[in-house]
N, C-alpha and C. Protein backbone atom coordinates (compact mmCIF):
# COMPACT_ATOMS: atom_id res chain seq x y z
N UNK A 1 0.82 -1.20 0.00
CA UNK A 1 0.00 0.00 0.00
C UNK A 1 0.87 1.26 0.00
N UNK A 2 1.95 1.22 0.83
CA UNK A 2 2.85 2.38 0.89
C UNK A 2 3.52 2.62 -0.46
N UNK A 3 3.87 1.52 -1.16
CA UNK A 3 4.50 1.65 -2.47
C UNK A 3 3.53 2.28 -3.47
N UNK A 4 2.26 1.90 -3.40
CA UNK A 4 1.25 2.45 -4.29
C UNK A 4 1.08 3.95 -4.06
N UNK A 5 1.02 4.36 -2.81
CA UNK A 5 0.89 5.79 -2.48
C UNK A 5 2.12 6.55 -2.95
N UNK A 6 3.31 5.98 -2.76
CA UNK A 6 4.55 6.61 -3.20
C UNK A 6 4.56 6.76 -4.72
N UNK A 7 4.17 5.71 -5.43
CA UNK A 7 4.13 5.77 -6.89
C UNK A 7 3.12 6.81 -7.39
N UNK A 8 1.94 6.85 -6.78
CA UNK A 8 0.94 7.84 -7.17
C UNK A 8 1.43 9.25 -6.90
N UNK A 9 2.13 9.45 -5.79
CA UNK A 9 2.68 10.77 -5.45
C UNK A 9 3.71 11.20 -6.48
N UNK A 10 4.61 10.30 -6.84
CA UNK A 10 5.65 10.61 -7.84
C UNK A 10 5.00 10.91 -9.18
N UNK A 11 4.01 10.09 -9.57
CA UNK A 11 3.32 10.32 -10.83
C UNK A 11 2.65 11.68 -10.86
N UNK A 12 1.98 12.06 -9.78
CA UNK A 12 1.29 13.35 -9.69
C UNK A 12 2.28 14.50 -9.81
N UNK A 13 3.40 14.40 -9.12
CA UNK A 13 4.40 15.47 -9.17
C UNK A 13 5.00 15.62 -10.55
N UNK A 14 5.35 14.52 -11.20
CA UNK A 14 5.96 14.61 -12.53
C UNK A 14 4.94 15.02 -13.58
N UNK A 15 3.70 14.61 -13.43
CA UNK A 15 2.67 14.99 -14.39
C UNK A 15 2.41 16.48 -14.35
N UNK A 16 2.49 17.08 -13.18
CA UNK A 16 2.23 18.51 -13.02
C UNK A 16 3.38 19.38 -13.49
N UNK A 17 4.58 18.82 -13.55
CA UNK A 17 5.74 19.61 -13.96
C UNK A 17 5.62 20.10 -15.38
N UNK A 18 4.98 19.35 -16.26
CA UNK A 18 4.87 19.74 -17.65
C UNK A 18 3.81 20.81 -17.89
N UNK A 19 2.98 21.08 -16.92
CA UNK A 19 1.93 22.07 -17.09
C UNK A 19 2.48 23.47 -16.85
N UNK A 20 2.22 24.36 -17.78
CA UNK A 20 2.71 25.72 -17.67
C UNK A 20 1.60 26.59 -17.07
N UNK A 21 1.95 27.34 -16.04
CA UNK A 21 0.96 28.24 -15.45
C UNK A 21 0.74 29.41 -16.40
N UNK A 22 -0.50 29.86 -16.49
CA UNK A 22 -0.82 31.01 -17.32
C UNK A 22 -0.19 32.24 -16.69
N UNK A 23 0.57 32.98 -17.51
CA UNK A 23 1.25 34.15 -17.00
C UNK A 23 0.38 35.38 -17.23
N UNK A 24 0.13 36.11 -16.18
CA UNK A 24 -0.67 37.33 -16.27
C UNK A 24 0.23 38.49 -16.67
N UNK A 25 -0.34 39.43 -17.43
CA UNK A 25 0.41 40.63 -17.79
C UNK A 25 0.60 41.49 -16.55
N UNK A 26 1.79 42.04 -16.36
CA UNK A 26 1.99 42.93 -15.21
C UNK A 26 1.17 44.21 -15.38
N UNK A 27 0.85 44.83 -14.26
CA UNK A 27 0.13 46.09 -14.32
C UNK A 27 1.05 47.17 -14.88
N UNK A 28 0.52 48.10 -15.69
CA UNK A 28 1.36 49.17 -16.23
C UNK A 28 2.00 49.99 -15.10
N UNK A 29 3.21 50.49 -15.37
CA UNK A 29 3.95 51.29 -14.39
C UNK A 29 3.52 52.76 -14.41
N UNK A 30 2.98 53.21 -15.55
CA UNK A 30 2.48 54.57 -15.68
C UNK A 30 0.96 54.49 -15.65
N UNK A 31 0.36 55.03 -14.63
CA UNK A 31 -1.09 54.98 -14.48
C UNK A 31 -1.62 56.40 -14.41
N UNK A 32 -2.53 56.71 -15.33
CA UNK A 32 -3.14 58.04 -15.38
C UNK A 32 -4.63 57.89 -15.60
N UNK A 33 -5.37 58.91 -15.24
CA UNK A 33 -6.81 58.90 -15.47
C UNK A 33 -7.07 59.16 -16.95
N UNK A 34 -8.29 58.86 -17.37
CA UNK A 34 -8.67 59.14 -18.75
C UNK A 34 -8.52 60.63 -19.07
N UNK A 35 -8.86 61.49 -18.11
CA UNK A 35 -8.74 62.94 -18.29
C UNK A 35 -7.28 63.35 -18.47
N UNK A 36 -6.39 62.75 -17.69
CA UNK A 36 -4.96 63.07 -17.82
C UNK A 36 -4.42 62.65 -19.18
N UNK A 37 -4.81 61.45 -19.66
CA UNK A 37 -4.37 61.00 -20.98
C UNK A 37 -4.94 61.92 -22.07
N UNK A 38 -6.20 62.30 -21.95
CA UNK A 38 -6.81 63.20 -22.95
C UNK A 38 -6.10 64.54 -23.03
N UNK A 39 -5.63 65.03 -21.89
CA UNK A 39 -4.92 66.32 -21.85
C UNK A 39 -3.53 66.21 -22.49
N UNK A 40 -2.91 65.04 -22.41
CA UNK A 40 -1.55 64.86 -22.92
C UNK A 40 -1.47 64.43 -24.37
N UNK A 41 -2.45 63.67 -24.83
CA UNK A 41 -2.40 63.09 -26.17
C UNK A 41 -3.31 63.85 -27.13
N UNK A 42 -2.98 63.81 -28.41
CA UNK A 42 -3.90 64.36 -29.41
C UNK A 42 -5.14 63.47 -29.43
N UNK A 43 -6.21 63.94 -30.03
CA UNK A 43 -7.44 63.14 -30.07
C UNK A 43 -7.21 61.83 -30.84
N UNK A 44 -6.38 61.88 -31.91
CA UNK A 44 -6.07 60.68 -32.68
C UNK A 44 -5.24 59.70 -31.86
N UNK A 45 -4.23 60.20 -31.14
CA UNK A 45 -3.42 59.34 -30.28
C UNK A 45 -4.29 58.70 -29.19
N UNK A 46 -5.15 59.50 -28.58
CA UNK A 46 -6.01 58.99 -27.52
C UNK A 46 -6.90 57.86 -28.04
N UNK A 47 -7.47 58.05 -29.22
CA UNK A 47 -8.36 57.05 -29.81
C UNK A 47 -7.63 55.72 -30.02
N UNK A 48 -6.39 55.77 -30.49
CA UNK A 48 -5.65 54.53 -30.77
C UNK A 48 -5.01 53.98 -29.50
N UNK A 49 -4.23 54.79 -28.80
CA UNK A 49 -3.48 54.32 -27.63
C UNK A 49 -4.35 53.93 -26.44
N UNK A 50 -5.41 54.67 -26.19
CA UNK A 50 -6.23 54.41 -24.99
C UNK A 50 -7.54 53.69 -25.30
N UNK A 51 -8.09 53.90 -26.50
CA UNK A 51 -9.38 53.29 -26.86
C UNK A 51 -9.23 52.12 -27.84
N UNK A 52 -7.98 51.75 -28.14
CA UNK A 52 -7.67 50.59 -28.98
C UNK A 52 -8.16 50.74 -30.42
N UNK A 53 -8.11 51.96 -30.92
CA UNK A 53 -8.49 52.21 -32.30
C UNK A 53 -7.38 51.79 -33.26
N UNK A 54 -7.63 51.99 -34.55
CA UNK A 54 -6.64 51.68 -35.60
C UNK A 54 -6.64 52.80 -36.61
N UNK A 55 -5.44 53.26 -36.97
CA UNK A 55 -5.36 54.27 -38.02
C UNK A 55 -5.52 53.59 -39.38
N UNK A 56 -5.93 54.34 -40.37
CA UNK A 56 -6.09 53.79 -41.71
C UNK A 56 -4.73 53.37 -42.28
N UNK A 57 -4.72 52.30 -43.04
CA UNK A 57 -3.49 51.81 -43.67
C UNK A 57 -2.92 52.86 -44.61
N UNK A 58 -1.60 52.91 -44.69
CA UNK A 58 -0.84 53.78 -45.59
C UNK A 58 -1.01 55.27 -45.29
N UNK A 59 -1.50 55.62 -44.09
CA UNK A 59 -1.67 57.03 -43.75
C UNK A 59 -0.73 57.47 -42.64
N UNK A 60 -0.15 56.54 -41.91
CA UNK A 60 0.69 56.86 -40.77
C UNK A 60 2.08 57.33 -41.17
N UNK A 61 2.71 58.02 -40.27
CA UNK A 61 4.01 58.64 -40.49
C UNK A 61 5.14 57.62 -40.73
N UNK A 62 5.04 56.43 -40.14
CA UNK A 62 6.19 55.52 -40.16
C UNK A 62 6.02 54.25 -40.98
N UNK A 63 4.94 54.09 -41.73
CA UNK A 63 4.74 52.84 -42.45
C UNK A 63 5.84 52.57 -43.46
N UNK A 64 6.42 53.63 -44.05
CA UNK A 64 7.50 53.45 -45.02
C UNK A 64 8.77 54.19 -44.59
N UNK A 65 9.00 54.28 -43.31
CA UNK A 65 10.13 54.99 -42.70
C UNK A 65 11.20 53.98 -42.32
N UNK A 66 12.47 54.19 -42.76
CA UNK A 66 13.51 53.20 -42.51
C UNK A 66 14.83 53.82 -42.07
N UNK A 67 14.79 54.87 -41.27
CA UNK A 67 16.01 55.45 -40.71
C UNK A 67 16.49 54.60 -39.54
N UNK A 68 17.76 54.77 -39.17
CA UNK A 68 18.34 54.05 -38.03
C UNK A 68 17.93 54.75 -36.74
N UNK A 69 17.48 53.98 -35.76
CA UNK A 69 17.10 54.55 -34.48
C UNK A 69 16.19 53.61 -33.71
N UNK A 70 15.44 54.19 -32.79
CA UNK A 70 14.56 53.42 -31.91
C UNK A 70 13.15 54.01 -31.96
N UNK A 71 12.18 53.13 -31.97
CA UNK A 71 10.77 53.54 -31.93
C UNK A 71 10.30 53.37 -30.48
N UNK A 72 9.72 54.44 -29.94
CA UNK A 72 9.29 54.45 -28.54
C UNK A 72 7.77 54.63 -28.48
N UNK A 73 7.19 54.34 -27.33
CA UNK A 73 5.76 54.52 -27.14
C UNK A 73 5.39 55.99 -27.32
N UNK A 74 4.32 56.25 -28.04
CA UNK A 74 3.86 57.61 -28.27
C UNK A 74 3.28 58.28 -27.04
N UNK A 75 2.97 57.49 -26.01
CA UNK A 75 2.39 58.04 -24.79
C UNK A 75 3.43 58.24 -23.68
N UNK A 76 4.33 57.25 -23.51
CA UNK A 76 5.25 57.31 -22.35
C UNK A 76 6.72 57.23 -22.73
N UNK A 77 7.02 57.09 -24.01
CA UNK A 77 8.39 57.03 -24.55
C UNK A 77 9.18 55.80 -24.12
N UNK A 78 8.49 54.74 -23.75
CA UNK A 78 9.14 53.47 -23.46
C UNK A 78 9.73 52.93 -24.77
N UNK A 79 11.04 52.58 -24.82
CA UNK A 79 11.62 52.00 -26.04
C UNK A 79 10.95 50.68 -26.38
N UNK A 80 10.48 50.54 -27.64
CA UNK A 80 9.70 49.37 -28.05
C UNK A 80 10.38 48.53 -29.13
N UNK A 81 10.87 49.20 -30.18
CA UNK A 81 11.44 48.51 -31.33
C UNK A 81 12.71 49.22 -31.79
N UNK A 82 13.69 48.46 -32.27
CA UNK A 82 14.87 49.07 -32.90
C UNK A 82 14.70 48.98 -34.40
N UNK A 83 15.29 49.93 -35.11
CA UNK A 83 15.09 50.02 -36.56
C UNK A 83 15.56 48.77 -37.30
N UNK A 84 16.52 48.04 -36.76
CA UNK A 84 17.02 46.83 -37.42
C UNK A 84 15.96 45.73 -37.48
N UNK A 85 14.91 45.83 -36.68
CA UNK A 85 13.86 44.81 -36.69
C UNK A 85 12.67 45.22 -37.55
N UNK A 86 12.73 46.41 -38.16
CA UNK A 86 11.64 46.89 -39.02
C UNK A 86 11.82 46.31 -40.41
N UNK A 87 10.73 45.94 -41.04
CA UNK A 87 10.80 45.41 -42.40
C UNK A 87 9.62 45.91 -43.23
N UNK A 88 9.79 45.85 -44.54
CA UNK A 88 8.76 46.29 -45.47
C UNK A 88 7.76 45.15 -45.64
N UNK A 89 6.51 45.40 -45.21
CA UNK A 89 5.51 44.33 -45.26
C UNK A 89 4.38 44.60 -46.24
N UNK A 90 4.29 45.81 -46.75
CA UNK A 90 3.24 46.19 -47.69
C UNK A 90 1.84 46.09 -47.10
N UNK A 91 1.71 46.09 -45.76
CA UNK A 91 0.39 46.04 -45.14
C UNK A 91 -0.15 47.45 -44.85
N UNK A 92 0.73 48.46 -44.93
CA UNK A 92 0.29 49.83 -44.70
C UNK A 92 0.54 50.35 -43.30
N UNK A 93 1.11 49.54 -42.44
CA UNK A 93 1.47 49.95 -41.08
C UNK A 93 2.93 49.58 -40.83
N UNK A 94 3.59 50.28 -39.92
CA UNK A 94 4.96 49.88 -39.58
C UNK A 94 4.97 48.44 -39.08
N UNK A 95 5.92 47.65 -39.57
CA UNK A 95 6.01 46.24 -39.19
C UNK A 95 7.40 45.92 -38.67
N UNK A 96 7.44 45.21 -37.57
CA UNK A 96 8.68 44.81 -36.92
C UNK A 96 8.63 43.30 -36.69
N UNK A 97 9.79 42.64 -36.71
CA UNK A 97 9.77 41.20 -36.47
C UNK A 97 10.00 40.84 -35.01
N UNK A 98 10.31 41.83 -34.18
CA UNK A 98 10.41 41.59 -32.74
C UNK A 98 10.42 42.91 -31.99
N UNK A 99 9.98 42.83 -30.75
CA UNK A 99 9.99 43.99 -29.86
C UNK A 99 11.20 43.87 -28.93
N UNK A 100 11.60 44.99 -28.36
CA UNK A 100 12.66 44.96 -27.35
C UNK A 100 12.16 44.13 -26.18
N UNK A 101 13.00 43.24 -25.70
CA UNK A 101 12.61 42.31 -24.63
C UNK A 101 12.02 43.06 -23.43
N UNK A 102 10.82 42.64 -23.01
CA UNK A 102 10.15 43.21 -21.85
C UNK A 102 9.43 44.52 -22.10
N UNK A 103 9.46 45.02 -23.34
CA UNK A 103 8.87 46.33 -23.63
C UNK A 103 7.38 46.29 -23.93
N UNK A 104 6.87 45.12 -24.28
CA UNK A 104 5.46 45.00 -24.65
C UNK A 104 4.81 43.87 -23.87
N UNK A 105 3.49 43.94 -23.80
CA UNK A 105 2.68 42.87 -23.22
C UNK A 105 1.64 42.46 -24.26
N UNK A 106 1.10 41.28 -24.09
CA UNK A 106 0.19 40.69 -25.07
C UNK A 106 -1.13 40.32 -24.42
N UNK A 107 -2.18 40.41 -25.22
CA UNK A 107 -3.50 40.02 -24.74
C UNK A 107 -4.30 39.47 -25.92
N UNK A 108 -5.03 38.39 -25.69
CA UNK A 108 -5.89 37.86 -26.74
C UNK A 108 -6.98 38.88 -27.05
N UNK A 109 -7.25 39.07 -28.33
CA UNK A 109 -8.23 40.04 -28.79
C UNK A 109 -9.22 39.33 -29.71
N UNK A 110 -10.47 39.26 -29.28
CA UNK A 110 -11.51 38.59 -30.06
C UNK A 110 -12.51 39.59 -30.64
N UNK A 111 -12.12 40.85 -30.74
CA UNK A 111 -13.03 41.87 -31.26
C UNK A 111 -13.27 41.68 -32.77
N UNK A 112 -14.38 42.19 -33.22
CA UNK A 112 -14.76 42.18 -34.63
C UNK A 112 -14.81 40.76 -35.22
N UNK A 113 -15.11 39.77 -34.39
CA UNK A 113 -15.23 38.40 -34.86
C UNK A 113 -13.93 37.75 -35.27
N UNK A 114 -12.80 38.31 -34.84
CA UNK A 114 -11.49 37.77 -35.19
C UNK A 114 -10.78 37.28 -33.93
N UNK A 115 -9.78 36.44 -34.13
CA UNK A 115 -8.92 36.01 -33.03
C UNK A 115 -7.52 36.52 -33.34
N UNK A 116 -7.07 37.52 -32.55
CA UNK A 116 -5.76 38.13 -32.77
C UNK A 116 -5.06 38.26 -31.43
N UNK A 117 -3.79 38.68 -31.49
CA UNK A 117 -3.05 38.97 -30.27
C UNK A 117 -2.71 40.45 -30.27
N UNK A 118 -3.27 41.16 -29.31
CA UNK A 118 -3.02 42.60 -29.18
C UNK A 118 -1.66 42.81 -28.52
N UNK A 119 -0.97 43.86 -28.98
CA UNK A 119 0.33 44.24 -28.41
C UNK A 119 0.15 45.59 -27.74
N UNK A 120 0.59 45.70 -26.47
CA UNK A 120 0.47 46.94 -25.71
C UNK A 120 1.82 47.29 -25.09
N UNK A 121 2.01 48.56 -24.82
CA UNK A 121 3.21 49.03 -24.13
C UNK A 121 3.21 48.48 -22.71
N UNK A 122 4.33 47.88 -22.30
CA UNK A 122 4.41 47.30 -20.96
C UNK A 122 4.49 48.38 -19.88
N UNK A 123 4.88 49.60 -20.26
CA UNK A 123 5.03 50.66 -19.26
C UNK A 123 3.71 51.39 -18.97
N UNK A 124 2.93 51.70 -20.03
CA UNK A 124 1.70 52.48 -19.80
C UNK A 124 0.43 51.76 -20.23
N UNK A 125 0.57 50.59 -20.88
CA UNK A 125 -0.61 49.85 -21.32
C UNK A 125 -1.22 50.36 -22.60
N UNK A 126 -0.56 51.29 -23.28
CA UNK A 126 -1.08 51.85 -24.52
C UNK A 126 -1.16 50.82 -25.63
N UNK A 127 -2.26 50.86 -26.40
CA UNK A 127 -2.46 49.95 -27.53
C UNK A 127 -1.51 50.32 -28.66
N UNK A 128 -0.74 49.34 -29.13
CA UNK A 128 0.20 49.57 -30.23
C UNK A 128 -0.30 48.98 -31.53
N UNK A 129 -0.90 47.81 -31.47
CA UNK A 129 -1.37 47.10 -32.66
C UNK A 129 -1.55 45.64 -32.34
N UNK A 130 -1.16 44.77 -33.29
CA UNK A 130 -1.32 43.33 -33.13
C UNK A 130 -0.08 42.62 -33.66
N UNK A 131 0.13 41.39 -33.23
CA UNK A 131 1.24 40.59 -33.73
C UNK A 131 0.67 39.38 -34.46
N UNK A 132 1.26 39.08 -35.62
CA UNK A 132 0.81 37.98 -36.47
C UNK A 132 1.99 37.05 -36.78
N UNK A 133 1.69 35.85 -37.22
CA UNK A 133 2.72 34.86 -37.53
C UNK A 133 3.06 34.84 -39.02
N UNK A 134 2.96 35.97 -39.70
CA UNK A 134 3.26 36.01 -41.14
C UNK A 134 4.43 36.94 -41.46
N UNK A 135 5.35 37.06 -40.52
CA UNK A 135 6.54 37.89 -40.72
C UNK A 135 7.63 37.13 -41.44
N UNK A 136 8.81 37.75 -41.56
CA UNK A 136 9.92 37.12 -42.29
C UNK A 136 10.33 35.78 -41.68
N UNK A 137 10.31 34.75 -42.49
CA UNK A 137 10.68 33.40 -42.02
C UNK A 137 12.16 33.32 -41.65
N UNK A 138 13.00 34.15 -42.29
CA UNK A 138 14.44 34.10 -42.02
C UNK A 138 14.81 34.74 -40.68
N UNK A 139 13.87 35.42 -40.03
CA UNK A 139 14.14 35.99 -38.70
C UNK A 139 13.23 35.30 -37.68
N UNK A 140 12.20 35.99 -37.23
CA UNK A 140 11.34 35.43 -36.18
C UNK A 140 10.03 34.85 -36.70
N UNK A 141 9.65 35.20 -37.92
CA UNK A 141 8.35 34.78 -38.44
C UNK A 141 7.20 35.61 -37.91
N UNK A 142 7.49 36.61 -37.09
CA UNK A 142 6.46 37.48 -36.48
C UNK A 142 6.36 38.79 -37.26
N UNK A 143 5.15 39.36 -37.23
CA UNK A 143 4.92 40.71 -37.77
C UNK A 143 4.15 41.51 -36.73
N UNK A 144 4.87 42.42 -36.08
CA UNK A 144 4.25 43.34 -35.15
C UNK A 144 3.68 44.48 -36.00
N UNK A 145 2.40 44.42 -36.26
CA UNK A 145 1.71 45.41 -37.08
C UNK A 145 1.31 46.55 -36.14
N UNK A 146 1.97 47.70 -36.30
CA UNK A 146 1.93 48.76 -35.30
C UNK A 146 1.35 50.05 -35.89
N UNK A 147 0.50 50.69 -35.15
CA UNK A 147 -0.03 51.99 -35.57
C UNK A 147 1.07 53.05 -35.45
N UNK A 148 1.29 53.82 -36.53
CA UNK A 148 2.29 54.90 -36.48
C UNK A 148 1.99 55.88 -35.36
N UNK A 149 0.73 56.16 -35.14
CA UNK A 149 0.35 57.16 -34.15
C UNK A 149 0.62 56.69 -32.72
N UNK A 150 0.86 55.38 -32.55
CA UNK A 150 1.17 54.83 -31.23
C UNK A 150 2.64 54.93 -30.88
N UNK A 151 3.47 55.31 -31.85
CA UNK A 151 4.91 55.33 -31.63
C UNK A 151 5.52 56.66 -32.04
N UNK A 152 6.74 56.89 -31.56
CA UNK A 152 7.57 58.03 -31.97
C UNK A 152 8.93 57.47 -32.34
N UNK A 153 9.62 58.16 -33.23
CA UNK A 153 10.94 57.70 -33.67
C UNK A 153 12.02 58.57 -33.05
N UNK A 154 13.03 57.91 -32.48
CA UNK A 154 14.21 58.59 -31.93
C UNK A 154 15.40 58.18 -32.80
N UNK A 155 15.95 59.12 -33.61
CA UNK A 155 17.07 58.76 -34.49
C UNK A 155 18.30 58.33 -33.71
N UNK A 156 19.10 57.46 -34.33
CA UNK A 156 20.37 57.03 -33.73
C UNK A 156 21.31 58.23 -33.70
N UNK A 157 22.21 58.23 -32.74
CA UNK A 157 23.19 59.34 -32.64
C UNK A 157 24.16 59.30 -33.79
């Protein structure tokens, strides 16, 4: 009987090791009221960054921008993407194959009858866009489809 209990205990422990706990997104470090964000952001920035809107394709400032530098959050200036990860995707929005480690958080998005993964700034929670699995196969295979109005560009020195 003791052997059976020992075996069941070992089986239970090893079976649970393979299960991954669901990781929750950390709370944003920059917390402001809706009124504070409205006072700081343009109405277009507020609509996209705080209300999860989307700018029209091929209208944003950075969709075809390829200078050397860093793209930061348009609300809190958290560094998000480096120019070396930007690629031409022809989708009409700035596209990157990876974000700076720890700079973004992800959330499942089932709006408009679709299943997507939303990308947000890890510092302020601002909506940046979505990530898809149709990026360059020779790098990460990811496409961070990002609203130009959600980001700012800081040129390299």
